[in-house]
Amino acid sequence: MNDEPLNYGHGAPLRLRNELHHGFKQVKWINGIEFLASYSEVGSGYGGYCEDHKYFGRHQTI
């Protein structure tokens, strides 16, 4: 951040970012991380239930 390493107060060693949600809906914690070569193995291939069924609920774009 600002050309310096990210510190613990700002989310180091990992910061998750979600460009589709407002700040209060951002990722707060994670239980695990799984790396995939392709979304074809997940649901119908789009990455998740909502993406597969084109459901985006009450999300507001930023």
PDB file of N, CA and C in Angstrom:
ATOM      1  N   MET A   1       0.844  -1.162   0.000  1.00  0.00           N
ATOM      2  CA  MET A   1       0.000   0.000   0.000  1.00  0.00           C
ATOM      3  C   MET A   1       0.894   1.231   0.000  1.00  0.00           C
ATOM      4  N   ASN A   2       0.669   2.144  -0.925  1.00  0.00           N
ATOM      5  CA  ASN A   2       1.507   3.340  -1.063  1.00  0.00           C
ATOM      6  C   ASN A   2       2.976   2.975  -1.248  1.00  0.00           C
ATOM      7  N   ASP A   3       3.218   1.965  -2.078  1.00  0.00           N
ATOM      8  CA  ASP A   3       4.572   1.485  -2.385  1.00  0.00           C
ATOM      9  C   ASP A   3       5.300   0.894  -1.188  1.00  0.00           C
ATOM     10  N   GLU A   4       4.568   0.467  -0.167  1.00  0.00           N
ATOM     11  CA  GLU A   4       5.153  -0.203   0.992  1.00  0.00           C
ATOM     12  C   GLU A   4       4.432  -1.529   1.195  1.00  0.00           C
ATOM     13  N   PRO A   5       5.083  -2.484   1.866  1.00  0.00           N
ATOM     14  CA  PRO A   5       4.412  -3.755   2.142  1.00  0.00           C
ATOM     15  C   PRO A   5       3.135  -3.538   2.961  1.00  0.00           C
ATOM     16  N   LEU A   6       2.134  -4.355   2.714  1.00  0.00           N
ATOM     17  CA  LEU A   6       0.873  -4.278   3.444  1.00  0.00           C
ATOM     18  C   LEU A   6       1.100  -4.714   4.887  1.00  0.00           C
ATOM     19  N   ASN A   7       0.626  -3.931   5.858  1.00  0.00           N
ATOM     20  CA  ASN A   7       0.821  -4.294   7.264  1.00  0.00           C
ATOM     21  C   ASN A   7      -0.401  -5.036   7.799  1.00  0.00           C
ATOM     22  N   TYR A   8      -0.281  -5.595   8.991  1.00  0.00           N
ATOM     23  CA  TYR A   8      -1.360  -6.385   9.579  1.00  0.00           C
ATOM     24  C   TYR A   8      -2.636  -5.576   9.775  1.00  0.00           C
ATOM     25  N   GLY A   9      -2.516  -4.312  10.095  1.00  0.00           N
ATOM     26  CA  GLY A   9      -3.688  -3.468  10.292  1.00  0.00           C
ATOM     27  C   GLY A   9      -4.503  -3.252   9.030  1.00  0.00           C
ATOM     28  N   HIS A  10      -3.886  -3.459   7.880  1.00  0.00           N
ATOM     29  CA  HIS A  10      -4.573  -3.286   6.602  1.00  0.00           C
ATOM     30  C   HIS A  10      -4.802  -4.612   5.884  1.00  0.00           C
ATOM     31  N   GLY A  11      -4.743  -5.722   6.617  1.00  0.00           N
ATOM     32  CA  GLY A  11      -5.114  -7.006   6.037  1.00  0.00           C
ATOM     33  C   GLY A  11      -3.998  -7.950   5.658  1.00  0.00           C
ATOM     34  N   ALA A  12      -2.748  -7.627   5.975  1.00  0.00           N
ATOM     35  CA  ALA A  12      -1.646  -8.539   5.633  1.00  0.00           C
ATOM     36  C   ALA A  12      -1.796  -9.831   6.423  1.00  0.00           C
ATOM     37  N   PRO A  13      -1.370 -10.953   5.964  1.00  0.00           N
ATOM     38  CA  PRO A  13      -0.651 -11.168   4.717  1.00  0.00           C
ATOM     39  C   PRO A  13      -1.558 -11.352   3.501  1.00  0.00           C
ATOM     40  N   LEU A  14      -2.876 -11.293   3.672  1.00  0.00           N
ATOM     41  CA  LEU A  14      -3.793 -11.518   2.557  1.00  0.00           C
ATOM     42  C   LEU A  14      -4.949 -10.542   2.651  1.00  0.00           C
ATOM     43  N   ARG A  15      -5.238  -9.880   1.573  1.00  0.00           N
ATOM     44  CA  ARG A  15      -6.401  -8.990   1.535  1.00  0.00           C
ATOM     45  C   ARG A  15      -7.325  -9.483   0.428  1.00  0.00           C
ATOM     46  N   LEU A  16      -8.562  -9.769   0.784  1.00  0.00           N
ATOM     47  CA  LEU A  16      -9.551 -10.204  -0.194  1.00  0.00           C
ATOM     48  C   LEU A  16     -10.354  -9.006  -0.658  1.00  0.00           C
ATOM     49  N   ARG A  17     -10.638  -8.972  -1.929  1.00  0.00           N
ATOM     50  CA  ARG A  17     -11.338  -7.828  -2.500  1.00  0.00           C
ATOM     51  C   ARG A  17     -12.520  -8.307  -3.322  1.00  0.00           C
ATOM     52  N   ASN A  18     -13.647  -7.655  -3.153  1.00  0.00           N
ATOM     53  CA  ASN A  18     -14.844  -7.969  -3.913  1.00  0.00           C
ATOM     54  C   ASN A  18     -15.323  -6.675  -4.551  1.00  0.00           C
ATOM     55  N   GLU A  19     -15.255  -6.583  -5.847  1.00  0.00           N
ATOM     56  CA  GLU A  19     -15.586  -5.342  -6.537  1.00  0.00           C
ATOM     57  C   GLU A  19     -17.085  -5.124  -6.707  1.00  0.00           C
ATOM     58  N   LEU A  20     -17.909  -6.105  -6.344  1.00  0.00           N
ATOM     59  CA  LEU A  20     -19.342  -5.993  -6.590  1.00  0.00           C
ATOM     60  C   LEU A  20     -20.154  -5.577  -5.378  1.00  0.00           C
ATOM     61  N   HIS A  21     -19.559  -5.490  -4.207  1.00  0.00           N
ATOM     62  CA  HIS A  21     -20.299  -5.176  -2.991  1.00  0.00           C
ATOM     63  C   HIS A  21     -19.783  -3.900  -2.335  1.00  0.00           C
ATOM     64  N   HIS A  22     -20.670  -3.240  -1.619  1.00  0.00           N
ATOM     65  CA  HIS A  22     -20.268  -2.085  -0.820  1.00  0.00           C
ATOM     66  C   HIS A  22     -19.382  -2.560   0.330  1.00  0.00           C
ATOM     67  N   GLY A  23     -18.672  -1.651   0.967  1.00  0.00           N
ATOM     68  CA  GLY A  23     -17.721  -1.998   2.014  1.00  0.00           C
ATOM     69  C   GLY A  23     -18.292  -2.825   3.147  1.00  0.00           C
ATOM     70  N   PHE A  24     -19.527  -2.537   3.586  1.00  0.00           N
ATOM     71  CA  PHE A  24     -20.086  -3.287   4.705  1.00  0.00           C
ATOM     72  C   PHE A  24     -20.433  -4.715   4.325  1.00  0.00           C
ATOM     73  N   LYS A  25     -20.441  -5.042   3.043  1.00  0.00           N
ATOM     74  CA  LYS A  25     -20.706  -6.407   2.597  1.00  0.00           C
ATOM     75  C   LYS A  25     -19.431  -7.118   2.146  1.00  0.00           C
ATOM     76  N   GLN A  26     -18.280  -6.487   2.352  1.00  0.00           N
ATOM     77  CA  GLN A  26     -17.023  -7.077   1.920  1.00  0.00           C
ATOM     78  C   GLN A  26     -16.717  -8.354   2.701  1.00  0.00           C
ATOM     79  N   VAL A  27     -15.776  -9.109   2.199  1.00  0.00           N
ATOM     80  CA  VAL A  27     -15.355 -10.353   2.834  1.00  0.00           C
ATOM     81  C   VAL A  27     -14.782 -10.046   4.210  1.00  0.00           C
ATOM     82  N   LYS A  28     -15.305 -10.711   5.246  1.00  0.00           N
ATOM     83  CA  LYS A  28     -14.843 -10.471   6.620  1.00  0.00           C
ATOM     84  C   LYS A  28     -13.886 -11.561   7.101  1.00  0.00           C
ATOM     85  N   TRP A  29     -14.124 -12.786   6.688  1.00  0.00           N
ATOM     86  CA  TRP A  29     -13.254 -13.884   7.086  1.00  0.00           C
ATOM     87  C   TRP A  29     -13.392 -14.999   6.064  1.00  0.00           C
ATOM     88  N   ILE A  30     -12.441 -15.905   6.064  1.00  0.00           N
ATOM     89  CA  ILE A  30     -12.486 -17.051   5.165  1.00  0.00           C
ATOM     90  C   ILE A  30     -12.208 -18.313   5.964  1.00  0.00           C
ATOM     91  N   ASN A  31     -12.744 -19.413   5.499  1.00  0.00           N
ATOM     92  CA  ASN A  31     -12.496 -20.708   6.131  1.00  0.00           C
ATOM     93  C   ASN A  31     -11.439 -21.505   5.386  1.00  0.00           C
ATOM     94  N   GLY A  32     -11.228 -21.182   4.120  1.00  0.00           N
ATOM     95  CA  GLY A  32     -10.240 -21.898   3.334  1.00  0.00           C
ATOM     96  C   GLY A  32     -10.122 -21.293   1.953  1.00  0.00           C
ATOM     97  N   ILE A  33      -9.087 -21.688   1.253  1.00  0.00           N
ATOM     98  CA  ILE A  33      -8.842 -21.216  -0.102  1.00  0.00           C
ATOM     99  C   ILE A  33      -8.623 -22.433  -0.983  1.00  0.00           C
ATOM    100  N   GLU A  34      -9.285 -22.441  -2.123  1.00  0.00           N
ATOM    101  CA  GLU A  34      -9.115 -23.520  -3.085  1.00  0.00           C
ATOM    102  C   GLU A  34      -8.797 -22.891  -4.438  1.00  0.00           C
ATOM    103  N   PHE A  35      -7.727 -23.325  -5.059  1.00  0.00           N
ATOM    104  CA  PHE A  35      -7.323 -22.798  -6.355  1.00  0.00           C
ATOM    105  C   PHE A  35      -7.786 -23.743  -7.447  1.00  0.00           C
ATOM    106  N   LEU A  36      -8.392 -23.189  -8.488  1.00  0.00           N
ATOM    107  CA  LEU A  36      -8.891 -23.974  -9.609  1.00  0.00           C
ATOM    108  C   LEU A  36      -8.268 -23.483 -10.901  1.00  0.00           C
ATOM    109  N   ALA A  37      -8.051 -24.403 -11.805  1.00  0.00           N
ATOM    110  CA  ALA A  37      -7.554 -24.020 -13.126  1.00  0.00           C
ATOM    111  C   ALA A  37      -8.681 -23.479 -13.990  1.00  0.00           C
ATOM    112  N   SER A  38      -9.926 -23.911 -13.696  1.00  0.00           N
ATOM    113  CA  SER A  38     -11.067 -23.502 -14.513  1.00  0.00           C
ATOM    114  C   SER A  38     -12.339 -23.568 -13.686  1.00  0.00           C
ATOM    115  N   TYR A  39     -13.303 -22.691 -13.984  1.00  0.00           N
ATOM    116  CA  TYR A  39     -14.608 -22.736 -13.324  1.00  0.00           C
ATOM    117  C   TYR A  39     -15.471 -23.887 -13.834  1.00  0.00           C
ATOM    118  N   SER A  40     -15.032 -24.593 -14.864  1.00  0.00           N
ATOM    119  CA  SER A  40     -15.845 -25.660 -15.442  1.00  0.00           C
ATOM    120  C   SER A  40     -16.154 -26.758 -14.432  1.00  0.00           C
ATOM    121  N   GLU A  41     -15.357 -26.859 -13.368  1.00  0.00           N
ATOM    122  CA  GLU A  41     -15.581 -27.879 -12.345  1.00  0.00           C
ATOM    123  C   GLU A  41     -16.557 -27.421 -11.267  1.00  0.00           C
ATOM    124  N   VAL A  42     -16.963 -26.151 -11.292  1.00  0.00           N
ATOM    125  CA  VAL A  42     -17.809 -25.582 -10.245  1.00  0.00           C
ATOM    126  C   VAL A  42     -19.199 -25.319 -10.800  1.00  0.00           C
ATOM    127  N   GLY A  43     -20.212 -25.939 -10.198  1.00  0.00           N
ATOM    128  CA  GLY A  43     -21.585 -25.707 -10.641  1.00  0.00           C
ATOM    129  C   GLY A  43     -21.738 -25.958 -12.125  1.00  0.00           C
ATOM    130  N   SER A  44     -22.319 -25.017 -12.827  1.00  0.00           N
ATOM    131  CA  SER A  44     -22.498 -25.127 -14.278  1.00  0.00           C
ATOM    132  C   SER A  44     -21.359 -24.474 -15.044  1.00  0.00           C
ATOM    133  N   GLY A  45     -20.302 -24.125 -14.350  1.00  0.00           N
ATOM    134  CA  GLY A  45     -19.130 -23.599 -15.015  1.00  0.00           C
ATOM    135  C   GLY A  45     -18.936 -22.101 -14.926  1.00  0.00           C
ATOM    136  N   TYR A  46     -19.792 -21.396 -14.170  1.00  0.00           N
ATOM    137  CA  TYR A  46     -19.655 -19.947 -14.065  1.00  0.00           C
ATOM    138  C   TYR A  46     -19.065 -19.503 -12.735  1.00  0.00           C
ATOM    139  N   GLY A  47     -18.875 -20.402 -11.785  1.00  0.00           N
ATOM    140  CA  GLY A  47     -18.196 -20.049 -10.554  1.00  0.00           C
ATOM    141  C   GLY A  47     -19.007 -20.179  -9.287  1.00  0.00           C
ATOM    142  N   GLY A  48     -20.307 -20.340  -9.358  1.00  0.00           N
ATOM    143  CA  GLY A  48     -21.115 -20.462  -8.153  1.00  0.00           C
ATOM    144  C   GLY A  48     -22.591 -20.504  -8.477  1.00  0.00           C
ATOM    145  N   TYR A  49     -23.419 -20.763  -7.464  1.00  0.00           N
ATOM    146  CA  TYR A  49     -24.862 -20.895  -7.667  1.00  0.00           C
ATOM    147  C   TYR A  49     -25.466 -19.637  -8.277  1.00  0.00           C
ATOM    148  N   CYS A  50     -25.176 -18.478  -7.692  1.00  0.00           N
ATOM    149  CA  CYS A  50     -25.759 -17.221  -8.182  1.00  0.00           C
ATOM    150  C   CYS A  50     -25.307 -16.929  -9.607  1.00  0.00           C
ATOM    151  N   GLU A  51     -24.042 -17.182  -9.893  1.00  0.00           N
ATOM    152  CA  GLU A  51     -23.533 -16.938 -11.235  1.00  0.00           C
ATOM    153  C   GLU A  51     -24.138 -17.910 -12.239  1.00  0.00           C
ATOM    154  N   ASP A  52     -24.295 -19.175 -11.838  1.00  0.00           N
ATOM    155  CA  ASP A  52     -24.875 -20.176 -12.734  1.00  0.00           C
ATOM    156  C   ASP A  52     -26.322 -19.854 -13.082  1.00  0.00           C
ATOM    157  N   HIS A  53     -27.064 -19.274 -12.129  1.00  0.00           N
ATOM    158  CA  HIS A  53     -28.489 -19.008 -12.326  1.00  0.00           C
ATOM    159  C   HIS A  53     -28.800 -17.537 -12.584  1.00  0.00           C
ATOM    160  N   LYS A  54     -27.768 -16.749 -12.818  1.00  0.00           N
ATOM    161  CA  LYS A  54     -27.907 -15.316 -13.116  1.00  0.00           C
ATOM    162  C   LYS A  54     -28.734 -14.592 -12.062  1.00  0.00           C
ATOM    163  N   TYR A  55     -28.534 -14.985 -10.791  1.00  0.00           N
ATOM    164  CA  TYR A  55     -29.211 -14.319  -9.681  1.00  0.00           C
ATOM    165  C   TYR A  55     -28.212 -13.417  -8.986  1.00  0.00           C
ATOM    166  N   PHE A  56     -28.519 -12.154  -8.909  1.00  0.00           N
ATOM    167  CA  PHE A  56     -27.626 -11.216  -8.261  1.00  0.00           C
ATOM    168  C   PHE A  56     -28.313 -10.453  -7.143  1.00  0.00           C
ATOM    169  N   GLY A  57     -29.536 -10.814  -6.816  1.00  0.00           N
ATOM    170  CA  GLY A  57     -30.228 -10.255  -5.662  1.00  0.00           C
ATOM    171  C   GLY A  57     -30.317  -8.748  -5.671  1.00  0.00           C
ATOM    172  N   ARG A  58     -30.051  -8.158  -4.519  1.00  0.00           N
ATOM    173  CA  ARG A  58     -30.177  -6.716  -4.349  1.00  0.00           C
ATOM    174  C   ARG A  58     -28.836  -6.001  -4.421  1.00  0.00           C
ATOM    175  N   HIS A  59     -27.916  -6.546  -5.130  1.00  0.00           N
ATOM    176  CA  HIS A  59     -26.576  -5.965  -5.235  1.00  0.00           C
ATOM    177  C   HIS A  59     -26.638  -4.639  -5.977  1.00  0.00           C
ATOM    178  N   GLN A  60     -25.849  -3.718  -5.532  1.00  0.00           N
ATOM    179  CA  GLN A  60     -25.701  -2.434  -6.207  1.00  0.00           C
ATOM    180  C   GLN A  60     -24.309  -2.376  -6.816  1.00  0.00           C
ATOM    181  N   THR A  61     -24.231  -1.995  -8.056  1.00  0.00           N
ATOM    182  CA  THR A  61     -22.919  -1.867  -8.673  1.00  0.00           C
ATOM    183  C   THR A  61     -22.229  -0.614  -8.159  1.00  0.00           C
ATOM    184  N   ILE A  62     -20.946  -0.657  -8.177  1.00  0.00           N
ATOM    185  CA  ILE A  62     -20.165   0.482  -7.679  1.00  0.00           C
ATOM    186  C   ILE A  62     -19.516   1.177  -8.859  1.00  0.00           C
TER     187      ILE A  62
END
